[in-house]
Amino acid sequence: MSTNEFWEWFKHNNAGFFFLNQIDNPAERERLLDEFAGKLHEFCDSLYFEIGAFPDDTQELIITAGGNVENYKKVEELVRQPPK
């Protein structure tokens, strides 16, 4: 998956992640997180993420290489081109 393909998928699916902390069903939250991880791993299977915030606050998305210096370029590639 290319950078553009990842962000296009995210643009069409970001509402579920924006309201992640308002979803009461733990299984549904887990499903969304698994879906995000799957798409991220289609871009690069060595990247990881954190997503969340306090209730009623803007969500924060962190993409990380998990400390693996070899994958920093993939993180930089991805975070340089997010949608508006």
N, C-alpha and C. Protein backbone atom coordinates (compact mmCIF):
# COMPACT_ATOMS: atom_id res chain seq x y z
N MET A 1 0.85 -1.17 0.00
CA MET A 1 0.00 0.00 0.00
C MET A 1 0.90 1.24 0.00
N SER A 2 0.55 2.20 -0.82
CA SER A 2 1.33 3.43 -0.88
C SER A 2 0.89 4.41 0.22
N THR A 3 1.67 5.44 0.41
CA THR A 3 1.33 6.49 1.36
C THR A 3 -0.02 7.10 1.02
N ASN A 4 -0.21 7.43 -0.24
CA ASN A 4 -1.48 8.03 -0.67
C ASN A 4 -2.65 7.09 -0.45
N GLU A 5 -2.47 5.82 -0.74
CA GLU A 5 -3.55 4.84 -0.52
C GLU A 5 -3.91 4.74 0.96
N PHE A 6 -2.90 4.74 1.82
CA PHE A 6 -3.17 4.68 3.26
C PHE A 6 -4.00 5.89 3.69
N TRP A 7 -3.56 7.09 3.29
CA TRP A 7 -4.27 8.30 3.73
C TRP A 7 -5.64 8.41 3.08
N GLU A 8 -5.82 7.92 1.88
CA GLU A 8 -7.15 7.91 1.27
C GLU A 8 -8.08 7.01 2.08
N TRP A 9 -7.58 5.83 2.46
CA TRP A 9 -8.38 4.93 3.29
C TRP A 9 -8.72 5.64 4.61
N PHE A 10 -7.74 6.30 5.21
CA PHE A 10 -7.96 6.97 6.48
C PHE A 10 -9.00 8.09 6.34
N LYS A 11 -8.93 8.88 5.28
CA LYS A 11 -9.89 9.96 5.07
C LYS A 11 -11.32 9.43 5.04
N HIS A 12 -11.51 8.25 4.47
CA HIS A 12 -12.85 7.68 4.36
C HIS A 12 -13.29 6.94 5.62
N ASN A 13 -12.38 6.70 6.54
CA ASN A 13 -12.70 5.91 7.73
C ASN A 13 -12.36 6.60 9.04
N ASN A 14 -11.97 7.86 9.00
CA ASN A 14 -11.46 8.49 10.22
C ASN A 14 -12.51 8.80 11.26
N ALA A 15 -13.78 8.87 10.90
CA ALA A 15 -14.82 9.20 11.88
C ALA A 15 -14.84 8.21 13.03
N GLY A 16 -14.69 6.93 12.74
CA GLY A 16 -14.67 5.92 13.80
C GLY A 16 -13.51 6.11 14.76
N PHE A 17 -12.39 6.57 14.25
CA PHE A 17 -11.22 6.77 15.09
C PHE A 17 -11.32 8.08 15.87
N PHE A 18 -11.97 9.08 15.27
CA PHE A 18 -12.13 10.36 15.95
C PHE A 18 -12.99 10.20 17.20
N PHE A 19 -13.98 9.33 17.14
CA PHE A 19 -14.89 9.12 18.27
C PHE A 19 -14.58 7.83 19.03
N LEU A 20 -13.38 7.32 18.87
CA LEU A 20 -12.99 6.06 19.48
C LEU A 20 -13.24 6.03 20.99
N ASN A 21 -12.91 7.12 21.67
CA ASN A 21 -13.08 7.14 23.13
C ASN A 21 -14.54 7.25 23.56
N GLN A 22 -15.45 7.43 22.61
CA GLN A 22 -16.87 7.50 22.94
C GLN A 22 -17.61 6.20 22.64
N ILE A 23 -16.89 5.22 22.14
CA ILE A 23 -17.50 3.92 21.84
C ILE A 23 -17.51 3.09 23.11
N ASP A 24 -18.70 2.73 23.56
CA ASP A 24 -18.85 2.00 24.82
C ASP A 24 -18.51 0.51 24.70
N ASN A 25 -18.63 -0.03 23.52
CA ASN A 25 -18.42 -1.46 23.31
C ASN A 25 -16.93 -1.74 23.11
N PRO A 26 -16.27 -2.41 24.08
CA PRO A 26 -14.84 -2.70 23.96
C PRO A 26 -14.49 -3.53 22.72
N ALA A 27 -15.37 -4.42 22.32
CA ALA A 27 -15.11 -5.26 21.14
C ALA A 27 -15.09 -4.40 19.87
N GLU A 28 -15.97 -3.40 19.81
CA GLU A 28 -15.99 -2.52 18.64
C GLU A 28 -14.75 -1.63 18.60
N ARG A 29 -14.33 -1.13 19.75
CA ARG A 29 -13.08 -0.35 19.81
C ARG A 29 -11.91 -1.19 19.34
N GLU A 30 -11.85 -2.41 19.82
CA GLU A 30 -10.76 -3.33 19.44
C GLU A 30 -10.80 -3.63 17.94
N ARG A 31 -12.00 -3.80 17.39
CA ARG A 31 -12.13 -4.06 15.96
C ARG A 31 -11.57 -2.89 15.15
N LEU A 32 -11.92 -1.67 15.56
CA LEU A 32 -11.41 -0.48 14.86
C LEU A 32 -9.89 -0.37 14.96
N LEU A 33 -9.35 -0.64 16.13
CA LEU A 33 -7.90 -0.58 16.30
C LEU A 33 -7.20 -1.65 15.48
N ASP A 34 -7.78 -2.84 15.43
CA ASP A 34 -7.23 -3.90 14.59
C ASP A 34 -7.28 -3.53 13.11
N GLU A 35 -8.38 -2.89 12.71
CA GLU A 35 -8.50 -2.45 11.32
C GLU A 35 -7.42 -1.43 10.98
N PHE A 36 -7.21 -0.46 11.90
CA PHE A 36 -6.18 0.54 11.67
C PHE A 36 -4.80 -0.12 11.58
N ALA A 37 -4.51 -1.02 12.52
CA ALA A 37 -3.22 -1.71 12.51
C ALA A 37 -3.02 -2.49 11.22
N GLY A 38 -4.08 -3.13 10.74
CA GLY A 38 -3.98 -3.88 9.50
C GLY A 38 -3.64 -2.99 8.31
N LYS A 39 -4.30 -1.84 8.23
CA LYS A 39 -4.01 -0.91 7.13
C LYS A 39 -2.61 -0.32 7.26
N LEU A 40 -2.21 0.03 8.47
CA LEU A 40 -0.86 0.55 8.68
C LEU A 40 0.17 -0.49 8.27
N HIS A 41 -0.08 -1.76 8.60
CA HIS A 41 0.86 -2.82 8.26
C HIS A 41 0.85 -3.15 6.77
N GLU A 42 -0.22 -2.80 6.07
CA GLU A 42 -0.19 -2.92 4.61
C GLU A 42 0.79 -1.90 4.03
N PHE A 43 0.93 -0.76 4.70
CA PHE A 43 1.90 0.25 4.28
C PHE A 43 3.31 -0.20 4.67
N CYS A 44 3.49 -0.58 5.94
CA CYS A 44 4.78 -1.08 6.43
C CYS A 44 4.50 -1.93 7.67
N ASP A 45 4.82 -3.20 7.60
CA ASP A 45 4.46 -4.11 8.69
C ASP A 45 5.32 -3.95 9.95
N SER A 46 6.25 -3.00 9.93
CA SER A 46 7.10 -2.77 11.10
C SER A 46 6.76 -1.48 11.83
N LEU A 47 5.65 -0.83 11.46
CA LEU A 47 5.25 0.39 12.13
C LEU A 47 4.16 0.10 13.16
N TYR A 48 4.06 0.98 14.13
CA TYR A 48 3.09 0.86 15.20
C TYR A 48 2.42 2.21 15.39
N PHE A 49 1.39 2.26 16.23
CA PHE A 49 0.69 3.51 16.44
C PHE A 49 0.10 3.59 17.84
N GLU A 50 -0.19 4.80 18.23
CA GLU A 50 -0.98 5.08 19.42
C GLU A 50 -2.03 6.08 18.99
N ILE A 51 -3.22 5.92 19.51
CA ILE A 51 -4.30 6.83 19.19
C ILE A 51 -5.15 7.03 20.43
N GLY A 52 -5.56 8.25 20.66
CA GLY A 52 -6.43 8.51 21.80
C GLY A 52 -6.31 9.92 22.31
N ALA A 53 -7.08 10.19 23.34
CA ALA A 53 -7.10 11.49 24.01
C ALA A 53 -8.06 11.39 25.18
N PHE A 54 -8.17 12.47 25.88
CA PHE A 54 -9.15 12.54 26.94
C PHE A 54 -10.54 12.65 26.31
N PRO A 55 -11.58 12.21 27.02
CA PRO A 55 -12.94 12.34 26.46
C PRO A 55 -13.23 13.78 26.06
N ASP A 56 -13.96 13.93 24.96
CA ASP A 56 -14.35 15.24 24.43
C ASP A 56 -13.17 16.10 24.01
N ASP A 57 -12.05 15.49 23.73
CA ASP A 57 -10.86 16.22 23.29
C ASP A 57 -10.49 15.72 21.90
N THR A 58 -9.67 16.49 21.20
CA THR A 58 -9.19 16.09 19.88
C THR A 58 -8.33 14.84 20.02
N GLN A 59 -8.53 13.90 19.11
CA GLN A 59 -7.75 12.67 19.13
C GLN A 59 -6.35 12.94 18.60
N GLU A 60 -5.41 12.20 19.11
CA GLU A 60 -4.03 12.31 18.67
C GLU A 60 -3.61 10.98 18.08
N LEU A 61 -2.95 11.02 16.94
CA LEU A 61 -2.45 9.82 16.28
C LEU A 61 -0.93 9.91 16.23
N ILE A 62 -0.28 8.91 16.78
CA ILE A 62 1.18 8.84 16.77
C ILE A 62 1.59 7.60 15.99
N ILE A 63 2.41 7.80 14.98
CA ILE A 63 2.97 6.69 14.20
C ILE A 63 4.42 6.53 14.65
N THR A 64 4.80 5.30 14.95
CA THR A 64 6.14 5.07 15.49
C THR A 64 6.81 3.87 14.81
N ALA A 65 8.12 3.90 14.81
CA ALA A 65 8.90 2.79 14.27
C ALA A 65 9.24 1.79 15.38
N GLY A 66 8.70 2.00 16.55
CA GLY A 66 8.96 1.07 17.65
C GLY A 66 10.42 1.01 18.04
N GLY A 67 11.15 2.11 17.85
CA GLY A 67 12.55 2.16 18.21
C GLY A 67 13.50 1.59 17.16
N ASN A 68 12.95 1.08 16.06
CA ASN A 68 13.78 0.49 15.01
C ASN A 68 14.22 1.59 14.03
N VAL A 69 15.47 1.99 14.13
CA VAL A 69 16.01 3.08 13.32
C VAL A 69 15.81 2.83 11.83
N GLU A 70 15.86 1.58 11.41
CA GLU A 70 15.71 1.25 10.00
C GLU A 70 14.35 1.66 9.44
N ASN A 71 13.35 1.82 10.31
CA ASN A 71 12.00 2.15 9.85
C ASN A 71 11.64 3.61 10.00
N TYR A 72 12.55 4.44 10.48
CA TYR A 72 12.27 5.87 10.65
C TYR A 72 11.86 6.52 9.33
N LYS A 73 12.51 6.12 8.25
CA LYS A 73 12.19 6.71 6.94
C LYS A 73 10.74 6.43 6.54
N LYS A 74 10.24 5.25 6.87
CA LYS A 74 8.84 4.92 6.56
C LYS A 74 7.89 5.78 7.39
N VAL A 75 8.24 6.01 8.66
CA VAL A 75 7.41 6.88 9.50
C VAL A 75 7.42 8.29 8.91
N GLU A 76 8.60 8.79 8.60
CA GLU A 76 8.71 10.14 8.04
C GLU A 76 7.93 10.25 6.73
N GLU A 77 8.01 9.25 5.90
CA GLU A 77 7.27 9.24 4.63
C GLU A 77 5.77 9.37 4.88
N LEU A 78 5.28 8.62 5.85
CA LEU A 78 3.85 8.61 6.13
C LEU A 78 3.38 9.93 6.77
N VAL A 79 4.12 10.42 7.73
CA VAL A 79 3.66 11.62 8.45
C VAL A 79 3.86 12.91 7.66
N ARG A 80 4.63 12.88 6.61
CA ARG A 80 4.81 14.05 5.76
C ARG A 80 3.58 14.35 4.90
N GLN A 81 2.73 13.36 4.68
CA GLN A 81 1.64 13.52 3.72
C GLN A 81 0.25 13.25 4.27
N PRO A 82 -0.05 13.63 5.50
CA PRO A 82 -1.40 13.34 6.01
C PRO A 82 -2.44 14.22 5.33
N PRO A 83 -3.69 13.80 5.33
CA PRO A 83 -4.75 14.65 4.77
C PRO A 83 -4.99 15.85 5.69
N LYS A 84 -5.60 16.86 5.14
CA LYS A 84 -5.93 18.05 5.93
C LYS A 84 -6.99 17.74 6.96
